[in-house]
């Protein structure tokens, strides 16, 4: 079974799971609350950035594909 990493990296559930694991590890190791909050905020910010970049990449790729297919059709006419 092949994992679709692009879909995983844009998933809010994936990033929530990452935060849950890291937060749990911080609790186990006795990290201060403020540090856990900062780590959680950083992970969510990075997750949002990755999701935005990949989402924009999909939109741009779809627009390029659409415009190239329209150009191909206009050349046939």
N, C-alpha and C. Protein backbone atom coordinates (compact mmCIF):
# COMPACT_ATOMS: atom_id res chain seq x y z
N UNK A 1 0.85 -1.18 0.00
CA UNK A 1 0.00 0.00 0.00
C UNK A 1 0.89 1.25 0.00
N UNK A 2 0.66 2.12 -0.96
CA UNK A 2 1.45 3.34 -1.09
C UNK A 2 0.77 4.47 -0.30
N UNK A 3 1.58 5.20 0.47
CA UNK A 3 1.05 6.30 1.27
C UNK A 3 1.11 7.59 0.46
N UNK A 4 0.00 8.30 0.40
CA UNK A 4 -0.07 9.59 -0.29
C UNK A 4 0.38 10.67 0.69
N UNK A 5 1.67 11.00 0.67
CA UNK A 5 2.24 11.93 1.64
C UNK A 5 1.72 13.34 1.47
N UNK A 6 1.40 13.73 0.24
CA UNK A 6 0.87 15.08 0.03
C UNK A 6 -0.46 15.22 0.74
N UNK A 7 -1.29 14.20 0.61
CA UNK A 7 -2.59 14.24 1.29
C UNK A 7 -2.41 14.22 2.80
N UNK A 8 -1.47 13.43 3.30
CA UNK A 8 -1.21 13.37 4.73
C UNK A 8 -0.73 14.72 5.26
N UNK A 9 0.19 15.35 4.55
CA UNK A 9 0.76 16.61 5.02
C UNK A 9 -0.23 17.76 5.00
N UNK A 10 -1.29 17.64 4.23
CA UNK A 10 -2.30 18.70 4.19
C UNK A 10 -3.48 18.38 5.10
N UNK A 11 -3.43 17.27 5.80
CA UNK A 11 -4.52 16.85 6.67
C UNK A 11 -4.41 17.49 8.05
N UNK A 12 -5.50 18.09 8.50
CA UNK A 12 -5.53 18.66 9.85
C UNK A 12 -5.45 17.56 10.90
N UNK A 13 -6.04 16.40 10.59
CA UNK A 13 -6.00 15.28 11.53
C UNK A 13 -4.56 14.80 11.73
N UNK A 14 -3.78 14.77 10.67
CA UNK A 14 -2.38 14.37 10.77
C UNK A 14 -1.62 15.31 11.69
N UNK A 15 -1.78 16.61 11.50
CA UNK A 15 -1.06 17.58 12.32
C UNK A 15 -1.54 17.56 13.76
N UNK A 16 -2.84 17.31 13.97
CA UNK A 16 -3.35 17.18 15.34
C UNK A 16 -2.73 15.95 16.02
N UNK A 17 -2.56 14.87 15.26
CA UNK A 17 -1.94 13.67 15.82
C UNK A 17 -0.48 13.93 16.18
N UNK A 18 0.23 14.66 15.31
CA UNK A 18 1.63 15.00 15.59
C UNK A 18 1.72 15.83 16.88
N UNK A 19 0.84 16.81 17.01
CA UNK A 19 0.83 17.66 18.21
C UNK A 19 0.52 16.80 19.44
N UNK A 20 -0.43 15.90 19.33
CA UNK A 20 -0.79 15.04 20.47
C UNK A 20 0.38 14.18 20.92
N UNK A 21 1.11 13.61 19.98
CA UNK A 21 2.25 12.76 20.33
C UNK A 21 3.35 13.60 21.00
N UNK A 22 3.66 14.73 20.42
CA UNK A 22 4.74 15.55 20.97
C UNK A 22 4.34 16.15 22.32
N UNK A 23 3.09 16.57 22.45
CA UNK A 23 2.63 17.10 23.72
C UNK A 23 2.67 16.03 24.81
N UNK A 24 2.26 14.83 24.44
CA UNK A 24 2.32 13.72 25.40
C UNK A 24 3.76 13.43 25.83
N UNK A 25 4.67 13.47 24.88
CA UNK A 25 6.08 13.26 25.21
C UNK A 25 6.59 14.37 26.13
N UNK A 26 6.15 15.59 25.89
CA UNK A 26 6.55 16.71 26.75
C UNK A 26 6.05 16.51 28.18
N UNK A 27 4.82 16.02 28.32
CA UNK A 27 4.25 15.77 29.65
C UNK A 27 5.06 14.68 30.35
N UNK A 28 5.38 13.61 29.61
CA UNK A 28 6.14 12.51 30.20
C UNK A 28 7.50 12.98 30.71
N UNK A 29 8.14 13.86 29.96
CA UNK A 29 9.47 14.33 30.34
C UNK A 29 9.45 15.57 31.24
N UNK A 30 8.26 16.01 31.66
CA UNK A 30 8.15 17.11 32.61
C UNK A 30 8.49 18.48 32.05
N UNK A 31 8.21 18.70 30.80
CA UNK A 31 8.48 20.00 30.18
C UNK A 31 7.46 21.01 30.72
N UNK A 32 7.89 22.24 30.90
CA UNK A 32 7.01 23.29 31.42
C UNK A 32 5.86 23.57 30.46
N UNK A 33 4.74 24.02 31.03
CA UNK A 33 3.53 24.27 30.23
C UNK A 33 3.77 25.29 29.11
N UNK A 34 4.47 26.37 29.42
CA UNK A 34 4.69 27.41 28.41
C UNK A 34 5.49 26.87 27.23
N UNK A 35 6.44 26.01 27.53
CA UNK A 35 7.24 25.40 26.46
C UNK A 35 6.38 24.51 25.60
N UNK A 36 5.49 23.73 26.22
CA UNK A 36 4.58 22.87 25.45
C UNK A 36 3.68 23.71 24.55
N UNK A 37 3.20 24.83 25.07
CA UNK A 37 2.35 25.71 24.26
C UNK A 37 3.12 26.26 23.07
N UNK A 38 4.35 26.65 23.30
CA UNK A 38 5.17 27.18 22.21
C UNK A 38 5.47 26.12 21.16
N UNK A 39 5.78 24.91 21.61
CA UNK A 39 6.04 23.81 20.67
C UNK A 39 4.79 23.49 19.86
N UNK A 40 3.65 23.44 20.53
CA UNK A 40 2.39 23.17 19.84
C UNK A 40 2.09 24.26 18.81
N UNK A 41 2.28 25.50 19.18
CA UNK A 41 2.03 26.61 18.25
C UNK A 41 2.96 26.53 17.04
N UNK A 42 4.21 26.18 17.29
CA UNK A 42 5.17 26.06 16.20
C UNK A 42 4.79 24.94 15.25
N UNK A 43 4.42 23.79 15.78
CA UNK A 43 4.03 22.66 14.93
C UNK A 43 2.81 23.02 14.09
N UNK A 44 1.82 23.64 14.70
CA UNK A 44 0.61 24.00 13.95
C UNK A 44 0.91 25.06 12.89
N UNK A 45 1.80 25.98 13.20
CA UNK A 45 2.17 27.00 12.21
C UNK A 45 2.87 26.35 11.02
N UNK A 46 3.79 25.44 11.30
CA UNK A 46 4.49 24.74 10.21
C UNK A 46 3.50 23.90 9.40
N UNK A 47 2.58 23.24 10.09
CA UNK A 47 1.57 22.44 9.39
C UNK A 47 0.70 23.29 8.48
N UNK A 48 0.29 24.45 8.98
CA UNK A 48 -0.53 25.35 8.16
C UNK A 48 0.25 25.85 6.96
N UNK A 49 1.52 26.15 7.15
CA UNK A 49 2.36 26.62 6.04
C UNK A 49 2.52 25.54 4.98
N UNK A 50 2.79 24.32 5.40
CA UNK A 50 2.94 23.22 4.45
C UNK A 50 1.64 22.98 3.70
N UNK A 51 0.52 22.98 4.41
CA UNK A 51 -0.78 22.78 3.77
C UNK A 51 -1.06 23.88 2.75
N UNK A 52 -0.73 25.11 3.09
CA UNK A 52 -0.94 26.23 2.17
C UNK A 52 -0.08 26.09 0.92
N UNK A 53 1.19 25.78 1.11
CA UNK A 53 2.10 25.65 -0.03
C UNK A 53 1.66 24.53 -0.95
N UNK A 54 1.33 23.37 -0.38
CA UNK A 54 0.89 22.25 -1.21
C UNK A 54 -0.45 22.55 -1.89
N UNK A 55 -1.35 23.18 -1.16
CA UNK A 55 -2.65 23.54 -1.75
C UNK A 55 -2.50 24.49 -2.92
N UNK A 56 -1.66 25.50 -2.76
CA UNK A 56 -1.42 26.44 -3.85
C UNK A 56 -0.73 25.75 -5.03
N UNK A 57 0.15 24.81 -4.72
CA UNK A 57 0.80 24.05 -5.79
C UNK A 57 -0.20 23.25 -6.60
N UNK A 58 -1.17 22.63 -5.93
CA UNK A 58 -2.21 21.89 -6.65
C UNK A 58 -3.03 22.81 -7.53
N UNK A 59 -3.39 23.98 -7.00
CA UNK A 59 -4.19 24.93 -7.77
C UNK A 59 -3.40 25.41 -9.00
N UNK A 60 -2.14 25.74 -8.80
CA UNK A 60 -1.30 26.19 -9.91
C UNK A 60 -1.13 25.09 -10.96
N UNK A 61 -0.92 23.87 -10.52
CA UNK A 61 -0.76 22.75 -11.46
C UNK A 61 -2.04 22.52 -12.25
N UNK A 62 -3.18 22.63 -11.58
CA UNK A 62 -4.46 22.46 -12.27
C UNK A 62 -4.68 23.56 -13.29
N UNK A 63 -4.31 24.80 -12.94
CA UNK A 63 -4.46 25.92 -13.88
C UNK A 63 -3.55 25.75 -15.10
N UNK A 64 -2.33 25.27 -14.89
CA UNK A 64 -1.41 25.05 -16.00
C UNK A 64 -1.94 23.95 -16.90
N UNK A 65 -2.42 22.88 -16.30
CA UNK A 65 -2.97 21.77 -17.08
C UNK A 65 -4.19 22.22 -17.87
N UNK A 66 -5.06 22.99 -17.23
CA UNK A 66 -6.27 23.48 -17.89
C UNK A 66 -5.93 24.41 -19.05
N UNK A 67 -4.99 25.33 -18.84
CA UNK A 67 -4.64 26.28 -19.90
C UNK A 67 -3.92 25.57 -21.04
N UNK A 68 -3.10 24.55 -20.73
CA UNK A 68 -2.41 23.84 -21.82
C UNK A 68 -3.39 23.00 -22.62
N UNK A 69 -4.41 22.43 -21.99
CA UNK A 69 -5.41 21.65 -22.73
C UNK A 69 -6.27 22.57 -23.58
N UNK A 70 -6.54 23.80 -23.10
CA UNK A 70 -7.30 24.76 -23.90
C UNK A 70 -6.48 25.21 -25.10
N UNK A 71 -5.18 25.38 -24.93
CA UNK A 71 -4.31 25.76 -26.05
C UNK A 71 -4.25 24.64 -27.10
N UNK A 72 -4.20 23.39 -26.63
CA UNK A 72 -4.19 22.25 -27.54
C UNK A 72 -5.47 22.18 -28.35
N UNK A 73 -6.60 22.44 -27.70
CA UNK A 73 -7.89 22.42 -28.39
C UNK A 73 -7.98 23.55 -29.39
N UNK A 74 -7.47 24.73 -29.05
CA UNK A 74 -7.55 25.87 -29.99
C UNK A 74 -6.63 25.65 -31.18
N UNK A 75 -5.53 24.91 -31.02
CA UNK A 75 -4.64 24.62 -32.14
C UNK A 75 -5.28 23.62 -33.11
N UNK A 76 -6.12 22.73 -32.59
CA UNK A 76 -6.78 21.74 -33.42
C UNK A 76 -7.83 22.37 -34.31
N UNK A 77 -8.38 23.49 -33.87
CA UNK A 77 -9.46 24.15 -34.63
C UNK A 77 -8.89 24.96 -35.72
